[in-house]
Each structure stands twice: as structure tokens, then as C-alpha cells.
Amino acid sequence: MLRVQRKQCATCIYRPDSPLDLAQLEAAIADPRMAGHFKGHRVCHHSEDAVCAGFWARHKNHFDGGQLAQRLGRVQLVDDDTMEEQ
């Protein structure tokens, strides 16, 4: 299963008001052989292994793992927050 965050967190880098440079961040995981595609995915900073909801919404069809998981029905939406107050 490919675990994907169900919703964006309040500090998601993919929010429209994010001060971060997305082009620079995405360049770190871009596939240099295939423009617009990624070698991997961005893990949500509130999780240990779930795909960032913002990345998923924007790029789920642009990396091999996302395409395969969708075709095989292996996407699991999760509410995984390791930064919640205990």
C-alpha cells in the first residue's frame, strides 16, 4: 500500500500561501531524464512514511509509485500526524 495523507497539514509547503520556493524543493526529487516527472515522492513532514497530501494532489500521476498504486488500487488515505500534542 502507498500511504497518502488524507488532507494537507496547516504548514504544508504546497499551500498557496507557502513562502518556500517549490521549484527549488521539487528539483531535489525531479527525474533529470524525464521532464515533469519524479524519481520519488515527498513524504509529509507530519508523518514518517505517508506521501504529502499537497504533493499527491499536484503530482500523483508524475511518479512511478503513484501511477502504479492508483492502477492497482493500492492507495491508502491516512490521517497520520506524528507531530500532534501527546
PDB file of N, CA and C in Angstrom:
ATOM      1  N   MET A   1       0.829  -1.187   0.000  1.00  0.00           N
ATOM      2  CA  MET A   1       0.000   0.000   0.000  1.00  0.00           C
ATOM      3  C   MET A   1       0.876   1.254   0.000  1.00  0.00           C
ATOM      4  N   LEU A   2       0.433   2.241  -0.738  1.00  0.00           N
ATOM      5  CA  LEU A   2       1.078   3.548  -0.715  1.00  0.00           C
ATOM      6  C   LEU A   2       0.232   4.426   0.196  1.00  0.00           C
ATOM      7  N   ARG A   3       0.800   4.793   1.318  1.00  0.00           N
ATOM      8  CA  ARG A   3       0.086   5.608   2.301  1.00  0.00           C
ATOM      9  C   ARG A   3       0.172   7.074   1.899  1.00  0.00           C
ATOM     10  N   VAL A   4      -0.988   7.728   1.842  1.00  0.00           N
ATOM     11  CA  VAL A   4      -1.078   9.128   1.415  1.00  0.00           C
ATOM     12  C   VAL A   4      -1.888   9.888   2.464  1.00  0.00           C
ATOM     13  N   GLN A   5      -1.379  11.036   2.885  1.00  0.00           N
ATOM     14  CA  GLN A   5      -2.127  11.850   3.838  1.00  0.00           C
ATOM     15  C   GLN A   5      -3.476  12.245   3.233  1.00  0.00           C
ATOM     16  N   ARG A   6      -4.513  12.127   4.023  1.00  0.00           N
ATOM     17  CA  ARG A   6      -5.871  12.443   3.570  1.00  0.00           C
ATOM     18  C   ARG A   6      -6.040  13.936   3.281  1.00  0.00           C
ATOM     19  N   LYS A   7      -5.399  14.793   4.087  1.00  0.00           N
ATOM     20  CA  LYS A   7      -5.541  16.234   3.888  1.00  0.00           C
ATOM     21  C   LYS A   7      -4.207  16.928   4.149  1.00  0.00           C
ATOM     22  N   GLN A   8      -4.091  18.119   3.607  1.00  0.00           N
ATOM     23  CA  GLN A   8      -2.888  18.910   3.824  1.00  0.00           C
ATOM     24  C   GLN A   8      -2.839  19.378   5.273  1.00  0.00           C
ATOM     25  N   CYS A   9      -1.643  19.426   5.817  1.00  0.00           N
ATOM     26  CA  CYS A   9      -1.478  19.974   7.163  1.00  0.00           C
ATOM     27  C   CYS A   9      -1.434  21.501   7.073  1.00  0.00           C
ATOM     28  N   ALA A  10      -1.516  22.141   8.198  1.00  0.00           N
ATOM     29  CA  ALA A  10      -1.556  23.605   8.245  1.00  0.00           C
ATOM     30  C   ALA A  10      -0.269  24.254   7.728  1.00  0.00           C
ATOM     31  N   THR A  11       0.829  23.513   7.748  1.00  0.00           N
ATOM     32  CA  THR A  11       2.108  24.081   7.320  1.00  0.00           C
ATOM     33  C   THR A  11       2.628  23.428   6.038  1.00  0.00           C
ATOM     34  N   CYS A  12       1.753  22.825   5.270  1.00  0.00           N
ATOM     35  CA  CYS A  12       2.154  22.137   4.035  1.00  0.00           C
ATOM     36  C   CYS A  12       2.849  23.104   3.072  1.00  0.00           C
ATOM     37  N   ILE A  13       3.950  22.662   2.498  1.00  0.00           N
ATOM     38  CA  ILE A  13       4.690  23.505   1.555  1.00  0.00           C
ATOM     39  C   ILE A  13       3.922  23.732   0.258  1.00  0.00           C
ATOM     40  N   TYR A  14       2.872  22.955   0.015  1.00  0.00           N
ATOM     41  CA  TYR A  14       2.082  23.102  -1.216  1.00  0.00           C
ATOM     42  C   TYR A  14       0.881  24.031  -1.046  1.00  0.00           C
ATOM     43  N   ARG A  15       0.714  24.625   0.117  1.00  0.00           N
ATOM     44  CA  ARG A  15      -0.362  25.596   0.306  1.00  0.00           C
ATOM     45  C   ARG A  15      -0.049  26.842  -0.519  1.00  0.00           C
ATOM     46  N   PRO A  16      -1.057  27.500  -1.053  1.00  0.00           N
ATOM     47  CA  PRO A  16      -0.830  28.686  -1.890  1.00  0.00           C
ATOM     48  C   PRO A  16      -0.056  29.804  -1.189  1.00  0.00           C
ATOM     49  N   ASP A  17      -0.181  29.892   0.126  1.00  0.00           N
ATOM     50  CA  ASP A  17       0.500  30.964   0.857  1.00  0.00           C
ATOM     51  C   ASP A  17       1.881  30.567   1.392  1.00  0.00           C
ATOM     52  N   SER A  18       2.397  29.448   0.942  1.00  0.00           N
ATOM     53  CA  SER A  18       3.703  28.990   1.411  1.00  0.00           C
ATOM     54  C   SER A  18       4.811  29.936   0.943  1.00  0.00           C
ATOM     55  N   PRO A  19       5.722  30.297   1.848  1.00  0.00           N
ATOM     56  CA  PRO A  19       6.818  31.194   1.479  1.00  0.00           C
ATOM     57  C   PRO A  19       7.983  30.465   0.810  1.00  0.00           C
ATOM     58  N   LEU A  20       7.904  29.148   0.722  1.00  0.00           N
ATOM     59  CA  LEU A  20       9.010  28.363   0.178  1.00  0.00           C
ATOM     60  C   LEU A  20       9.020  28.354  -1.345  1.00  0.00           C
ATOM     61  N   ASP A  21      10.177  28.131  -1.904  1.00  0.00           N
ATOM     62  CA  ASP A  21      10.355  28.065  -3.356  1.00  0.00           C
ATOM     63  C   ASP A  21      10.119  26.621  -3.809  1.00  0.00           C
ATOM     64  N   LEU A  22       8.897  26.334  -4.281  1.00  0.00           N
ATOM     65  CA  LEU A  22       8.544  24.968  -4.681  1.00  0.00           C
ATOM     66  C   LEU A  22       9.415  24.447  -5.816  1.00  0.00           C
ATOM     67  N   ALA A  23       9.764  25.293  -6.753  1.00  0.00           N
ATOM     68  CA  ALA A  23      10.593  24.848  -7.872  1.00  0.00           C
ATOM     69  C   ALA A  23      11.921  24.302  -7.358  1.00  0.00           C
ATOM     70  N   GLN A  24      12.502  24.973  -6.404  1.00  0.00           N
ATOM     71  CA  GLN A  24      13.778  24.528  -5.838  1.00  0.00           C
ATOM     72  C   GLN A  24      13.600  23.219  -5.061  1.00  0.00           C
ATOM     73  N   LEU A  25      12.545  23.127  -4.269  1.00  0.00           N
ATOM     74  CA  LEU A  25      12.298  21.923  -3.499  1.00  0.00           C
ATOM     75  C   LEU A  25      12.016  20.720  -4.402  1.00  0.00           C
ATOM     76  N   GLU A  26      11.232  20.925  -5.438  1.00  0.00           N
ATOM     77  CA  GLU A  26      10.898  19.830  -6.338  1.00  0.00           C
ATOM     78  C   GLU A  26      12.083  19.417  -7.195  1.00  0.00           C
ATOM     79  N   ALA A  27      13.000  20.332  -7.439  1.00  0.00           N
ATOM     80  CA  ALA A  27      14.197  19.992  -8.209  1.00  0.00           C
ATOM     81  C   ALA A  27      15.006  18.915  -7.502  1.00  0.00           C
ATOM     82  N   ALA A  28      14.907  18.852  -6.177  1.00  0.00           N
ATOM     83  CA  ALA A  28      15.650  17.860  -5.410  1.00  0.00           C
ATOM     84  C   ALA A  28      15.192  16.430  -5.695  1.00  0.00           C
ATOM     85  N   ILE A  29      13.939  16.251  -6.116  1.00  0.00           N
ATOM     86  CA  ILE A  29      13.449  14.902  -6.395  1.00  0.00           C
ATOM     87  C   ILE A  29      13.035  14.720  -7.861  1.00  0.00           C
ATOM     88  N   ALA A  30      13.323  15.697  -8.689  1.00  0.00           N
ATOM     89  CA  ALA A  30      12.965  15.614 -10.107  1.00  0.00           C
ATOM     90  C   ALA A  30      13.810  14.552 -10.807  1.00  0.00           C
ATOM     91  N   ASP A  31      13.230  13.914 -11.774  1.00  0.00           N
ATOM     92  CA  ASP A  31      13.949  12.936 -12.595  1.00  0.00           C
ATOM     93  C   ASP A  31      14.588  13.688 -13.765  1.00  0.00           C
ATOM     94  N   PRO A  32      15.904  13.782 -13.804  1.00  0.00           N
ATOM     95  CA  PRO A  32      16.553  14.562 -14.852  1.00  0.00           C
ATOM     96  C   PRO A  32      16.355  13.994 -16.252  1.00  0.00           C
ATOM     97  N   ARG A  33      15.944  12.740 -16.347  1.00  0.00           N
ATOM     98  CA  ARG A  33      15.739  12.108 -17.656  1.00  0.00           C
ATOM     99  C   ARG A  33      14.338  12.302 -18.201  1.00  0.00           C
ATOM    100  N   MET A  34      13.402  12.725 -17.323  1.00  0.00           N
ATOM    101  CA  MET A  34      12.009  12.875 -17.746  1.00  0.00           C
ATOM    102  C   MET A  34      11.447  14.174 -17.175  1.00  0.00           C
ATOM    103  N   ALA A  35      11.403  15.188 -17.968  1.00  0.00           N
ATOM    104  CA  ALA A  35      10.901  16.490 -17.504  1.00  0.00           C
ATOM    105  C   ALA A  35       9.482  16.358 -16.963  1.00  0.00           C
ATOM    106  N   GLY A  36       9.231  16.947 -15.809  1.00  0.00           N
ATOM    107  CA  GLY A  36       7.900  16.904 -15.210  1.00  0.00           C
ATOM    108  C   GLY A  36       7.617  15.644 -14.425  1.00  0.00           C
ATOM    109  N   HIS A  37       8.601  14.768 -14.273  1.00  0.00           N
ATOM    110  CA  HIS A  37       8.416  13.523 -13.518  1.00  0.00           C
ATOM    111  C   HIS A  37       9.399  13.466 -12.362  1.00  0.00           C
ATOM    112  N   PHE A  38       9.122  12.579 -11.412  1.00  0.00           N
ATOM    113  CA  PHE A  38       9.915  12.498 -10.199  1.00  0.00           C
ATOM    114  C   PHE A  38      10.456  11.091  -9.994  1.00  0.00           C
ATOM    115  N   LYS A  39      11.638  11.024  -9.398  1.00  0.00           N
ATOM    116  CA  LYS A  39      12.251   9.740  -9.046  1.00  0.00           C
ATOM    117  C   LYS A  39      11.556   9.135  -7.842  1.00  0.00           C
ATOM    118  N   GLY A  40      10.937   9.953  -7.052  1.00  0.00           N
ATOM    119  CA  GLY A  40      10.251   9.509  -5.847  1.00  0.00           C
ATOM    120  C   GLY A  40       9.162  10.483  -5.484  1.00  0.00           C
ATOM    121  N   HIS A  41       8.791  10.492  -4.220  1.00  0.00           N
ATOM    122  CA  HIS A  41       7.743  11.396  -3.752  1.00  0.00           C
ATOM    123  C   HIS A  41       8.205  12.115  -2.501  1.00  0.00           C
ATOM    124  N   ARG A  42       7.482  13.143  -2.137  1.00  0.00           N
ATOM    125  CA  ARG A  42       7.793  13.913  -0.926  1.00  0.00           C
ATOM    126  C   ARG A  42       6.962  13.345   0.219  1.00  0.00           C
ATOM    127  N   VAL A  43       7.642  12.995   1.305  1.00  0.00           N
ATOM    128  CA  VAL A  43       6.971  12.487   2.498  1.00  0.00           C
ATOM    129  C   VAL A  43       6.497  13.683   3.323  1.00  0.00           C
ATOM    130  N   CYS A  44       5.292  13.587   3.852  1.00  0.00           N
ATOM    131  CA  CYS A  44       4.737  14.651   4.697  1.00  0.00           C
ATOM    132  C   CYS A  44       5.609  14.817   5.940  1.00  0.00           C
ATOM    133  N   HIS A  45       5.888  16.050   6.308  1.00  0.00           N
ATOM    134  CA  HIS A  45       6.728  16.298   7.477  1.00  0.00           C
ATOM    135  C   HIS A  45       6.001  16.000   8.794  1.00  0.00           C
ATOM    136  N   HIS A  46       4.727  15.662   8.728  1.00  0.00           N
ATOM    137  CA  HIS A  46       3.970  15.246   9.916  1.00  0.00           C
ATOM    138  C   HIS A  46       3.871  13.726  10.003  1.00  0.00           C
ATOM    139  N   SER A  47       4.577  13.014   9.137  1.00  0.00           N
ATOM    140  CA  SER A  47       4.486  11.564   9.068  1.00  0.00           C
ATOM    141  C   SER A  47       5.878  10.971   8.889  1.00  0.00           C
ATOM    142  N   GLU A  48       5.982   9.692   9.166  1.00  0.00           N
ATOM    143  CA  GLU A  48       7.263   9.020   8.933  1.00  0.00           C
ATOM    144  C   GLU A  48       7.348   8.421   7.538  1.00  0.00           C
ATOM    145  N   ASP A  49       6.186   8.148   6.923  1.00  0.00           N
ATOM    146  CA  ASP A  49       6.243   7.490   5.620  1.00  0.00           C
ATOM    147  C   ASP A  49       5.107   7.828   4.655  1.00  0.00           C
ATOM    148  N   ALA A  50       4.121   8.596   5.074  1.00  0.00           N
ATOM    149  CA  ALA A  50       2.984   8.899   4.201  1.00  0.00           C
ATOM    150  C   ALA A  50       3.344  10.001   3.197  1.00  0.00           C
ATOM    151  N   VAL A  51       2.843   9.849   1.993  1.00  0.00           N
ATOM    152  CA  VAL A  51       3.056  10.857   0.952  1.00  0.00           C
ATOM    153  C   VAL A  51       2.338  12.145   1.361  1.00  0.00           C
ATOM    154  N   CYS A  52       2.988  13.257   1.156  1.00  0.00           N
ATOM    155  CA  CYS A  52       2.410  14.578   1.431  1.00  0.00           C
ATOM    156  C   CYS A  52       1.131  14.746   0.602  1.00  0.00           C
ATOM    157  N   ALA A  53       0.057  15.198   1.242  1.00  0.00           N
ATOM    158  CA  ALA A  53      -1.226  15.395   0.547  1.00  0.00           C
ATOM    159  C   ALA A  53      -1.112  16.433  -0.561  1.00  0.00           C
ATOM    160  N   GLY A  54      -0.352  17.479  -0.319  1.00  0.00           N
ATOM    161  CA  GLY A  54      -0.163  18.512  -1.342  1.00  0.00           C
ATOM    162  C   GLY A  54       0.596  17.987  -2.544  1.00  0.00           C
ATOM    163  N   PHE A  55       1.656  17.214  -2.291  1.00  0.00           N
ATOM    164  CA  PHE A  55       2.419  16.607  -3.380  1.00  0.00           C
ATOM    165  C   PHE A  55       1.525  15.653  -4.165  1.00  0.00           C
ATOM    166  N   TRP A  56       0.750  14.841  -3.446  1.00  0.00           N
ATOM    167  CA  TRP A  56      -0.126  13.868  -4.092  1.00  0.00           C
ATOM    168  C   TRP A  56      -1.147  14.553  -4.995  1.00  0.00           C
ATOM    169  N   ALA A  57      -1.787  15.585  -4.494  1.00  0.00           N
ATOM    170  CA  ALA A  57      -2.800  16.295  -5.277  1.00  0.00           C
ATOM    171  C   ALA A  57      -2.206  16.885  -6.551  1.00  0.00           C
ATOM    172  N   ARG A  58      -0.999  17.328  -6.465  1.00  0.00           N
ATOM    173  CA  ARG A  58      -0.359  18.002  -7.592  1.00  0.00           C
ATOM    174  C   ARG A  58       0.370  17.049  -8.549  1.00  0.00           C
ATOM    175  N   HIS A  59       0.928  15.943  -8.006  1.00  0.00           N
ATOM    176  CA  HIS A  59       1.840  15.121  -8.809  1.00  0.00           C
ATOM    177  C   HIS A  59       1.573  13.614  -8.782  1.00  0.00           C
ATOM    178  N   LYS A  60       0.391  13.170  -8.386  1.00  0.00           N
ATOM    179  CA  LYS A  60       0.159  11.734  -8.253  1.00  0.00           C
ATOM    180  C   LYS A  60       0.358  10.956  -9.555  1.00  0.00           C
ATOM    181  N   ASN A  61       0.271  11.621 -10.673  1.00  0.00           N
ATOM    182  CA  ASN A  61       0.463  10.945 -11.957  1.00  0.00           C
ATOM    183  C   ASN A  61       1.856  11.156 -12.536  1.00  0.00           C
ATOM    184  N   HIS A  62       2.755  11.771 -11.755  1.00  0.00           N
ATOM    185  CA  HIS A  62       4.070  12.120 -12.277  1.00  0.00           C
ATOM    186  C   HIS A  62       5.217  11.351 -11.634  1.00  0.00           C
ATOM    187  N   PHE A  63       4.920  10.297 -10.893  1.00  0.00           N
ATOM    188  CA  PHE A  63       5.987   9.425 -10.394  1.00  0.00           C
ATOM    189  C   PHE A  63       5.489   7.984 -10.458  1.00  0.00           C
ATOM    190  N   ASP A  64       6.423   7.082 -10.736  1.00  0.00           N
ATOM    191  CA  ASP A  64       6.063   5.692 -10.988  1.00  0.00           C
ATOM    192  C   ASP A  64       5.243   5.071  -9.863  1.00  0.00           C
ATOM    193  N   GLY A  65       5.647   5.305  -8.616  1.00  0.00           N
ATOM    194  CA  GLY A  65       4.930   4.720  -7.487  1.00  0.00           C
ATOM    195  C   GLY A  65       3.484   5.181  -7.418  1.00  0.00           C
ATOM    196  N   GLY A  66       3.236   6.435  -7.732  1.00  0.00           N
ATOM    197  CA  GLY A  66       1.875   6.964  -7.714  1.00  0.00           C
ATOM    198  C   GLY A  66       1.015   6.366  -8.809  1.00  0.00           C
ATOM    199  N   GLN A  67       1.576   6.259  -9.992  1.00  0.00           N
ATOM    200  CA  GLN A  67       0.835   5.683 -11.112  1.00  0.00           C
ATOM    201  C   GLN A  67       0.493   4.218 -10.838  1.00  0.00           C
ATOM    202  N   LEU A  68       1.474   3.454 -10.374  1.00  0.00           N
ATOM    203  CA  LEU A  68       1.248   2.029 -10.107  1.00  0.00           C
ATOM    204  C   LEU A  68       0.242   1.811  -8.980  1.00  0.00           C
ATOM    205  N   ALA A  69       0.396   2.550  -7.901  1.00  0.00           N
ATOM    206  CA  ALA A  69      -0.512   2.387  -6.767  1.00  0.00           C
ATOM    207  C   ALA A  69      -1.952   2.675  -7.173  1.00  0.00           C
ATOM    208  N   GLN A  70      -2.159   3.705  -7.974  1.00  0.00           N
ATOM    209  CA  GLN A  70      -3.512   4.029  -8.427  1.00  0.00           C
ATOM    210  C   GLN A  70      -4.076   2.922  -9.307  1.00  0.00           C
ATOM    211  N   ARG A  71      -3.276   2.446 -10.248  1.00  0.00           N
ATOM    212  CA  ARG A  71      -3.747   1.403 -11.178  1.00  0.00           C
ATOM    213  C   ARG A  71      -4.069   0.099 -10.470  1.00  0.00           C
ATOM    214  N   LEU A  72      -3.313  -0.199  -9.403  1.00  0.00           N
ATOM    215  CA  LEU A  72      -3.512  -1.451  -8.679  1.00  0.00           C
ATOM    216  C   LEU A  72      -4.462  -1.312  -7.490  1.00  0.00           C
ATOM    217  N   GLY A  73      -5.014  -0.125  -7.292  1.00  0.00           N
ATOM    218  CA  GLY A  73      -5.912   0.097  -6.161  1.00  0.00           C
ATOM    219  C   GLY A  73      -5.200  -0.023  -4.823  1.00  0.00           C
ATOM    220  N   ARG A  74      -3.956   0.425  -4.763  1.00  0.00           N
ATOM    221  CA  ARG A  74      -3.130   0.265  -3.570  1.00  0.00           C
ATOM    222  C   ARG A  74      -2.823   1.594  -2.891  1.00  0.00           C
ATOM    223  N   VAL A  75      -3.734   2.554  -2.970  1.00  0.00           N
ATOM    224  CA  VAL A  75      -3.572   3.840  -2.288  1.00  0.00           C
ATOM    225  C   VAL A  75      -4.407   3.810  -1.013  1.00  0.00           C
ATOM    226  N   GLN A  76      -3.771   4.087   0.104  1.00  0.00           N
ATOM    227  CA  GLN A  76      -4.463   4.126   1.384  1.00  0.00           C
ATOM    228  C   GLN A  76      -4.377   5.545   1.937  1.00  0.00           C
ATOM    229  N   LEU A  77      -5.518   6.214   2.069  1.00  0.00           N
ATOM    230  CA  LEU A  77      -5.551   7.559   2.646  1.00  0.00           C
ATOM    231  C   LEU A  77      -5.483   7.437   4.161  1.00  0.00           C
ATOM    232  N   VAL A  78      -4.584   8.194   4.772  1.00  0.00           N
ATOM    233  CA  VAL A  78      -4.367   8.088   6.215  1.00  0.00           C
ATOM    234  C   VAL A  78      -4.419   9.462   6.868  1.00  0.00           C
ATOM    235  N   ASP A  79      -4.652   9.459   8.165  1.00  0.00           N
ATOM    236  CA  ASP A  79      -4.561  10.651   8.998  1.00  0.00           C
ATOM    237  C   ASP A  79      -3.418  10.385   9.970  1.00  0.00           C
ATOM    238  N   ASP A  80      -2.214  10.542   9.487  1.00  0.00           N
ATOM    239  CA  ASP A  80      -1.011  10.201  10.246  1.00  0.00           C
ATOM    240  C   ASP A  80      -0.310  11.481  10.659  1.00  0.00           C
ATOM    241  N   ASP A  81      -0.322  11.784  11.958  1.00  0.00           N
ATOM    242  CA  ASP A  81       0.310  13.011  12.415  1.00  0.00           C
ATOM    243  C   ASP A  81       1.216  12.701  13.606  1.00  0.00           C
ATOM    244  N   THR A  82       2.510  12.610  13.336  1.00  0.00           N
ATOM    245  CA  THR A  82       3.462  12.324  14.398  1.00  0.00           C
ATOM    246  C   THR A  82       3.820  13.575  15.185  1.00  0.00           C
ATOM    247  N   MET A  83       3.303  14.745  14.789  1.00  0.00           N
ATOM    248  CA  MET A  83       3.608  15.983  15.484  1.00  0.00           C
ATOM    249  C   MET A  83       2.470  16.448  16.397  1.00  0.00           C
ATOM    250  N   GLU A  84       1.418  15.657  16.497  1.00  0.00           N
ATOM    251  CA  GLU A  84       0.301  16.007  17.375  1.00  0.00           C
ATOM    252  C   GLU A  84       0.771  16.070  18.822  1.00  0.00           C
ATOM    253  N   GLU A  85       0.116  16.922  19.588  1.00  0.00           N
ATOM    254  CA  GLU A  85       0.412  17.001  21.020  1.00  0.00           C
ATOM    255  C   GLU A  85      -0.007  15.687  21.672  1.00  0.00           C
ATOM    256  N   GLN A  86       0.809  15.197  22.562  1.00  0.00           N
ATOM    257  CA  GLN A  86       0.523  13.938  23.257  1.00  0.00           C
ATOM    258  C   GLN A  86      -0.348  14.161  24.457  1.00  0.00           C
TER     259      GLN A  86
END
